[in-house]
Amino acid sequence: MAPLKEQIIAPGMSAATIAAALRRRGRRLRIDTSLDTAALEAILGAAAAVEGAGPVLQLLATHPSANEALLERITELAEQKSEWGALNAVATAPGTSERILRRLAGSPNRFVAQHATLALLTGEIERADPQRLREILAEHASDSEDDAAVRSILALHPRTPEAVLELLAEDAEDTVAQAASERLGRSAPR
């Protein structure tokens, strides 16, 4: 199978040119990582007029120069167009503010809400003391998929204390138990 050709999305491209790029099959879209926020704003302005611009919005949300103002505009546009993939990209982008994540946590799309909630929780884990980490574990002890994802984050997080890892090593969810056991330097229970 031949490698995908790249299609660069650049400032100055018209909405029609972006729409044509999105319609082309067998091409990987890309935005130059050296562009600044003003250039990204120009691309967003053109993409706003394009139906199905979600892939471009996703690239913009994950761009290293995406700042809070740009992420806010992407969020607004993606919400208007029900571009769930773009909203997921905003929820998982490293520069997304807590304010935007709280907004996305209330999304009608389950996956967007879940990604935003997990991103908020990851931020909380970054700041939490050992007692709060134990509380987070207790709050997410159910068999639900969402709670298992939280326990996985705890098992993998470098700040999770050994006492919490010991509890996670006995988790009913195999991936959680394995991750915690590996962090403790031992084999996962069978």
C-alpha atoms as a PDB file:
ATOM      1  CA  MET A   1       0.000   0.000   0.000  1.00  0.00           C
ATOM      2  CA  ALA A   2       1.379   3.399  -0.989  1.00  0.00           C
ATOM      3  CA  PRO A   3       2.042   5.929   1.765  1.00  0.00           C
ATOM      4  CA  LEU A   4      -0.494   8.729   2.138  1.00  0.00           C
ATOM      5  CA  LYS A   5       0.354  12.010   0.477  1.00  0.00           C
ATOM      6  CA  GLU A   6       0.341  15.042   2.727  1.00  0.00           C
ATOM      7  CA  GLN A   7      -1.961  17.993   2.207  1.00  0.00           C
ATOM      8  CA  ILE A   8      -0.737  21.064   4.050  1.00  0.00           C
ATOM      9  CA  ILE A   9      -3.453  23.364   5.418  1.00  0.00           C
ATOM     10  CA  ALA A  10      -1.955  26.844   5.410  1.00  0.00           C
ATOM     11  CA  PRO A  11      -2.919  30.430   6.215  1.00  0.00           C
ATOM     12  CA  GLY A  12      -4.364  32.165   3.187  1.00  0.00           C
ATOM     13  CA  MET A  13      -6.205  29.076   1.952  1.00  0.00           C
ATOM     14  CA  SER A  14      -9.793  29.827   1.044  1.00  0.00           C
ATOM     15  CA  ALA A  15     -12.758  27.927   2.446  1.00  0.00           C
ATOM     16  CA  ALA A  16     -13.177  26.321  -0.982  1.00  0.00           C
ATOM     17  CA  THR A  17      -9.568  25.119  -1.020  1.00  0.00           C
ATOM     18  CA  ILE A  18      -9.908  23.681   2.496  1.00  0.00           C
ATOM     19  CA  ALA A  19     -13.184  21.983   1.498  1.00  0.00           C
ATOM     20  CA  ALA A  20     -11.461  20.459  -1.547  1.00  0.00           C
ATOM     21  CA  ALA A  21      -8.586  19.201   0.624  1.00  0.00           C
ATOM     22  CA  LEU A  22     -11.069  17.554   2.988  1.00  0.00           C
ATOM     23  CA  ARG A  23     -12.785  15.782   0.078  1.00  0.00           C
ATOM     24  CA  ARG A  24      -9.571  14.285  -1.306  1.00  0.00           C
ATOM     25  CA  ARG A  25      -9.120  10.669  -0.292  1.00  0.00           C
ATOM     26  CA  GLY A  26      -5.724   9.160   0.411  1.00  0.00           C
ATOM     27  CA  ARG A  27      -4.256  12.354   1.825  1.00  0.00           C
ATOM     28  CA  ARG A  28      -3.113  13.129   5.321  1.00  0.00           C
ATOM     29  CA  LEU A  29      -3.896  16.662   6.405  1.00  0.00           C
ATOM     30  CA  ARG A  30      -1.220  18.591   8.256  1.00  0.00           C
ATOM     31  CA  ILE A  31      -0.652  22.081   9.637  1.00  0.00           C
ATOM     32  CA  ASP A  32       2.946  23.285   9.890  1.00  0.00           C
ATOM     33  CA  THR A  33       3.938  23.131  13.573  1.00  0.00           C
ATOM     34  CA  SER A  34       6.002  26.334  13.278  1.00  0.00           C
ATOM     35  CA  LEU A  35       2.939  28.517  12.613  1.00  0.00           C
ATOM     36  CA  ASP A  36       2.001  31.100  15.231  1.00  0.00           C
ATOM     37  CA  THR A  37      -1.424  31.697  16.753  1.00  0.00           C
ATOM     38  CA  ALA A  38      -2.296  34.444  14.246  1.00  0.00           C
ATOM     39  CA  ALA A  39      -1.739  32.014  11.374  1.00  0.00           C
ATOM     40  CA  LEU A  40      -3.892  29.418  13.135  1.00  0.00           C
ATOM     41  CA  GLU A  41      -6.628  32.044  13.585  1.00  0.00           C
ATOM     42  CA  ALA A  42      -6.536  32.678   9.819  1.00  0.00           C
ATOM     43  CA  ILE A  43      -6.951  28.963   9.099  1.00  0.00           C
ATOM     44  CA  LEU A  44      -9.801  28.753  11.619  1.00  0.00           C
ATOM     45  CA  GLY A  45     -11.522  31.708   9.945  1.00  0.00           C
ATOM     46  CA  ALA A  46     -11.491  29.933   6.586  1.00  0.00           C
ATOM     47  CA  ALA A  47     -12.437  26.563   8.078  1.00  0.00           C
ATOM     48  CA  ALA A  48     -15.462  28.107   9.810  1.00  0.00           C
ATOM     49  CA  ALA A  49     -17.204  28.359   6.434  1.00  0.00           C
ATOM     50  CA  VAL A  50     -16.566  24.699   5.555  1.00  0.00           C
ATOM     51  CA  GLU A  51     -19.020  21.891   6.299  1.00  0.00           C
ATOM     52  CA  GLY A  52     -17.231  18.862   7.731  1.00  0.00           C
ATOM     53  CA  ALA A  53     -14.206  20.893   8.842  1.00  0.00           C
ATOM     54  CA  GLY A  54     -13.778  18.702  11.935  1.00  0.00           C
ATOM     55  CA  PRO A  55     -10.402  17.265  10.866  1.00  0.00           C
ATOM     56  CA  VAL A  56      -8.995  20.783  10.426  1.00  0.00           C
ATOM     57  CA  LEU A  57     -10.412  21.844  13.792  1.00  0.00           C
ATOM     58  CA  GLN A  58      -8.763  18.798  15.374  1.00  0.00           C
ATOM     59  CA  LEU A  59      -5.394  19.757  13.895  1.00  0.00           C
ATOM     60  CA  LEU A  60      -5.812  23.324  15.144  1.00  0.00           C
ATOM     61  CA  ALA A  61      -6.768  22.178  18.671  1.00  0.00           C
ATOM     62  CA  THR A  62      -3.687  19.989  18.983  1.00  0.00           C
ATOM     63  CA  HIS A  63      -1.266  22.479  17.418  1.00  0.00           C
ATOM     64  CA  PRO A  64       1.590  23.578  19.716  1.00  0.00           C
ATOM     65  CA  SER A  65       0.690  27.263  19.200  1.00  0.00           C
ATOM     66  CA  ALA A  66      -2.984  26.830  20.131  1.00  0.00           C
ATOM     67  CA  ASN A  67      -3.716  29.158  23.047  1.00  0.00           C
ATOM     68  CA  GLU A  68      -6.808  29.464  25.231  1.00  0.00           C
ATOM     69  CA  ALA A  69      -8.483  32.046  22.994  1.00  0.00           C
ATOM     70  CA  LEU A  70      -8.057  29.836  19.923  1.00  0.00           C
ATOM     71  CA  LEU A  71      -9.251  26.752  21.814  1.00  0.00           C
ATOM     72  CA  GLU A  72     -12.320  28.734  22.925  1.00  0.00           C
ATOM     73  CA  ARG A  73     -13.127  29.676  19.316  1.00  0.00           C
ATOM     74  CA  ILE A  74     -12.600  26.092  18.167  1.00  0.00           C
ATOM     75  CA  THR A  75     -14.909  24.896  20.952  1.00  0.00           C
ATOM     76  CA  GLU A  76     -17.637  27.355  19.967  1.00  0.00           C
ATOM     77  CA  LEU A  77     -17.426  26.444  16.294  1.00  0.00           C
ATOM     78  CA  ALA A  78     -17.249  22.690  16.946  1.00  0.00           C
ATOM     79  CA  GLU A  79     -20.261  22.886  19.260  1.00  0.00           C
ATOM     80  CA  GLN A  80     -22.261  24.776  16.610  1.00  0.00           C
ATOM     81  CA  LYS A  81     -21.379  22.170  13.981  1.00  0.00           C
ATOM     82  CA  SER A  82     -21.586  19.113  16.310  1.00  0.00           C
ATOM     83  CA  GLU A  83     -17.981  18.253  15.440  1.00  0.00           C
ATOM     84  CA  TRP A  84     -17.457  15.763  18.274  1.00  0.00           C
ATOM     85  CA  GLY A  85     -13.970  14.725  17.132  1.00  0.00           C
ATOM     86  CA  ALA A  86     -12.819  18.344  17.301  1.00  0.00           C
ATOM     87  CA  LEU A  87     -14.327  18.724  20.774  1.00  0.00           C
ATOM     88  CA  ASN A  88     -12.509  15.554  21.869  1.00  0.00           C
ATOM     89  CA  ALA A  89      -9.295  17.067  20.512  1.00  0.00           C
ATOM     90  CA  VAL A  90      -9.885  20.213  22.587  1.00  0.00           C
ATOM     91  CA  ALA A  91     -10.663  18.113  25.683  1.00  0.00           C
ATOM     92  CA  THR A  92      -7.409  16.175  25.345  1.00  0.00           C
ATOM     93  CA  ALA A  93      -5.163  19.038  24.195  1.00  0.00           C
ATOM     94  CA  PRO A  94      -2.480  19.886  26.772  1.00  0.00           C
ATOM     95  CA  GLY A  95      -3.195  23.632  26.735  1.00  0.00           C
ATOM     96  CA  THR A  96      -6.920  23.430  27.395  1.00  0.00           C
ATOM     97  CA  SER A  97      -7.936  25.494  30.401  1.00  0.00           C
ATOM     98  CA  GLU A  98      -9.990  24.203  33.292  1.00  0.00           C
ATOM     99  CA  ARG A  99     -12.771  26.617  32.268  1.00  0.00           C
ATOM    100  CA  ILE A 100     -13.076  25.065  28.797  1.00  0.00           C
ATOM    101  CA  LEU A 101     -12.807  21.540  30.220  1.00  0.00           C
ATOM    102  CA  ARG A 102     -15.684  22.257  32.626  1.00  0.00           C
ATOM    103  CA  ARG A 103     -17.762  23.454  29.694  1.00  0.00           C
ATOM    104  CA  LEU A 104     -16.951  20.300  27.703  1.00  0.00           C
ATOM    105  CA  ALA A 105     -17.663  18.055  30.700  1.00  0.00           C
ATOM    106  CA  GLY A 106     -21.308  19.056  30.247  1.00  0.00           C
ATOM    107  CA  SER A 107     -21.346  18.087  26.562  1.00  0.00           C
ATOM    108  CA  PRO A 108     -24.315  16.107  25.258  1.00  0.00           C
ATOM    109  CA  ASN A 109     -21.787  13.798  23.595  1.00  0.00           C
ATOM    110  CA  ARG A 110     -20.799  11.103  26.091  1.00  0.00           C
ATOM    111  CA  PHE A 111     -17.250  10.749  24.778  1.00  0.00           C
ATOM    112  CA  VAL A 112     -16.521  14.481  24.816  1.00  0.00           C
ATOM    113  CA  ALA A 113     -17.906  14.719  28.359  1.00  0.00           C
ATOM    114  CA  GLN A 114     -15.841  11.701  29.437  1.00  0.00           C
ATOM    115  CA  HIS A 115     -12.590  13.042  27.935  1.00  0.00           C
ATOM    116  CA  ALA A 116     -13.121  16.447  29.533  1.00  0.00           C
ATOM    117  CA  THR A 117     -13.967  14.919  32.902  1.00  0.00           C
ATOM    118  CA  LEU A 118     -10.865  12.729  32.793  1.00  0.00           C
ATOM    119  CA  ALA A 119      -8.717  15.718  31.830  1.00  0.00           C
ATOM    120  CA  LEU A 120     -10.116  17.679  34.780  1.00  0.00           C
ATOM    121  CA  LEU A 121      -9.449  14.755  37.078  1.00  0.00           C
ATOM    122  CA  THR A 122      -5.897  14.395  35.768  1.00  0.00           C
ATOM    123  CA  GLY A 123      -5.340  18.057  36.647  1.00  0.00           C
ATOM    124  CA  GLU A 124      -6.744  17.432  40.108  1.00  0.00           C
ATOM    125  CA  ILE A 125      -4.450  14.430  40.556  1.00  0.00           C
ATOM    126  CA  GLU A 126      -1.488  16.667  39.657  1.00  0.00           C
ATOM    127  CA  ARG A 127      -2.349  18.936  42.616  1.00  0.00           C
ATOM    128  CA  ALA A 128      -3.745  16.386  45.078  1.00  0.00           C
ATOM    129  CA  ASP A 129      -2.118  15.332  48.320  1.00  0.00           C
ATOM    130  CA  PRO A 130      -1.954  11.602  49.188  1.00  0.00           C
ATOM    131  CA  GLN A 131      -5.195  11.785  51.195  1.00  0.00           C
ATOM    132  CA  ARG A 132      -7.081  13.286  48.256  1.00  0.00           C
ATOM    133  CA  LEU A 133      -5.685  10.574  45.960  1.00  0.00           C
ATOM    134  CA  ARG A 134      -7.142   7.929  48.310  1.00  0.00           C
ATOM    135  CA  GLU A 135     -10.471   9.795  48.233  1.00  0.00           C
ATOM    136  CA  ILE A 136     -10.436   9.867  44.427  1.00  0.00           C
ATOM    137  CA  LEU A 137      -9.878   6.107  44.433  1.00  0.00           C
ATOM    138  CA  ALA A 138     -12.807   5.596  46.820  1.00  0.00           C
ATOM    139  CA  GLU A 139     -15.052   7.850  44.689  1.00  0.00           C
ATOM    140  CA  HIS A 140     -14.292   5.778  41.588  1.00  0.00           C
ATOM    141  CA  ALA A 141     -14.519   2.229  42.925  1.00  0.00           C
ATOM    142  CA  SER A 142     -17.471   1.028  40.815  1.00  0.00           C
ATOM    143  CA  ASP A 143     -17.264  -1.372  37.887  1.00  0.00           C
ATOM    144  CA  SER A 144     -18.226   1.348  35.392  1.00  0.00           C
ATOM    145  CA  GLU A 145     -15.986   1.983  32.413  1.00  0.00           C
ATOM    146  CA  ASP A 146     -15.536   5.605  33.485  1.00  0.00           C
ATOM    147  CA  ASP A 147     -14.417   4.628  37.000  1.00  0.00           C
ATOM    148  CA  ALA A 148     -12.019   2.028  35.596  1.00  0.00           C
ATOM    149  CA  ALA A 149     -10.485   4.767  33.427  1.00  0.00           C
ATOM    150  CA  VAL A 150      -9.969   6.932  36.529  1.00  0.00           C
ATOM    151  CA  ARG A 151      -8.321   4.055  38.375  1.00  0.00           C
ATOM    152  CA  SER A 152      -6.050   3.493  35.361  1.00  0.00           C
ATOM    153  CA  ILE A 153      -4.984   7.137  35.502  1.00  0.00           C
ATOM    154  CA  LEU A 154      -4.222   6.746  39.210  1.00  0.00           C
ATOM    155  CA  ALA A 155      -2.279   3.526  38.596  1.00  0.00           C
ATOM    156  CA  LEU A 156      -0.114   5.191  35.961  1.00  0.00           C
ATOM    157  CA  HIS A 157       0.352   8.580  37.601  1.00  0.00           C
ATOM    158  CA  PRO A 158       3.825   9.158  39.079  1.00  0.00           C
ATOM    159  CA  ARG A 159       2.408  11.001  42.128  1.00  0.00           C
ATOM    160  CA  THR A 160       0.174   8.135  43.241  1.00  0.00           C
ATOM    161  CA  PRO A 161       1.512   6.955  46.609  1.00  0.00           C
ATOM    162  CA  GLU A 162       2.520   3.349  47.228  1.00  0.00           C
ATOM    163  CA  ALA A 163      -0.430   2.756  49.593  1.00  0.00           C
ATOM    164  CA  VAL A 164      -2.883   3.626  46.796  1.00  0.00           C
ATOM    165  CA  LEU A 165      -0.891   1.552  44.296  1.00  0.00           C
ATOM    166  CA  GLU A 166      -1.162  -1.421  46.682  1.00  0.00           C
ATOM    167  CA  LEU A 167      -4.959  -1.106  46.581  1.00  0.00           C
ATOM    168  CA  LEU A 168      -4.959  -0.691  42.810  1.00  0.00           C
ATOM    169  CA  ALA A 169      -2.767  -3.787  42.378  1.00  0.00           C
ATOM    170  CA  GLU A 170      -5.748  -5.796  43.697  1.00  0.00           C
ATOM    171  CA  ASP A 171      -8.255  -4.104  41.354  1.00  0.00           C
ATOM    172  CA  ALA A 172     -10.810  -6.317  39.598  1.00  0.00           C
ATOM    173  CA  GLU A 173      -9.960  -4.616  36.302  1.00  0.00           C
ATOM    174  CA  ASP A 174      -6.910  -6.457  34.951  1.00  0.00           C
ATOM    175  CA  THR A 175      -5.366  -3.462  33.196  1.00  0.00           C
ATOM    176  CA  VAL A 176      -5.558  -1.396  36.391  1.00  0.00           C
ATOM    177  CA  ALA A 177      -4.067  -4.177  38.538  1.00  0.00           C
ATOM    178  CA  GLN A 178      -1.294  -4.771  36.009  1.00  0.00           C
ATOM    179  CA  ALA A 179      -0.353  -1.090  35.752  1.00  0.00           C
ATOM    180  CA  ALA A 180      -0.255  -0.689  39.541  1.00  0.00           C
ATOM    181  CA  SER A 181       1.740  -3.899  39.982  1.00  0.00           C
ATOM    182  CA  GLU A 182       4.276  -2.779  37.397  1.00  0.00           C
ATOM    183  CA  ARG A 183       4.610   0.578  39.158  1.00  0.00           C
ATOM    184  CA  LEU A 184       5.296  -1.360  42.369  1.00  0.00           C
ATOM    185  CA  GLY A 185       7.930  -3.395  40.541  1.00  0.00           C
ATOM    186  CA  ARG A 186       6.219  -6.750  40.638  1.00  0.00           C
ATOM    187  CA  SER A 187       4.215  -9.067  38.425  1.00  0.00           C
ATOM    188  CA  ALA A 188       0.473  -8.518  38.174  1.00  0.00           C
ATOM    189  CA  PRO A 189      -1.708 -10.990  40.083  1.00  0.00           C
ATOM    190  CA  ARG A 190      -3.392 -13.633  37.952  1.00  0.00           C
END
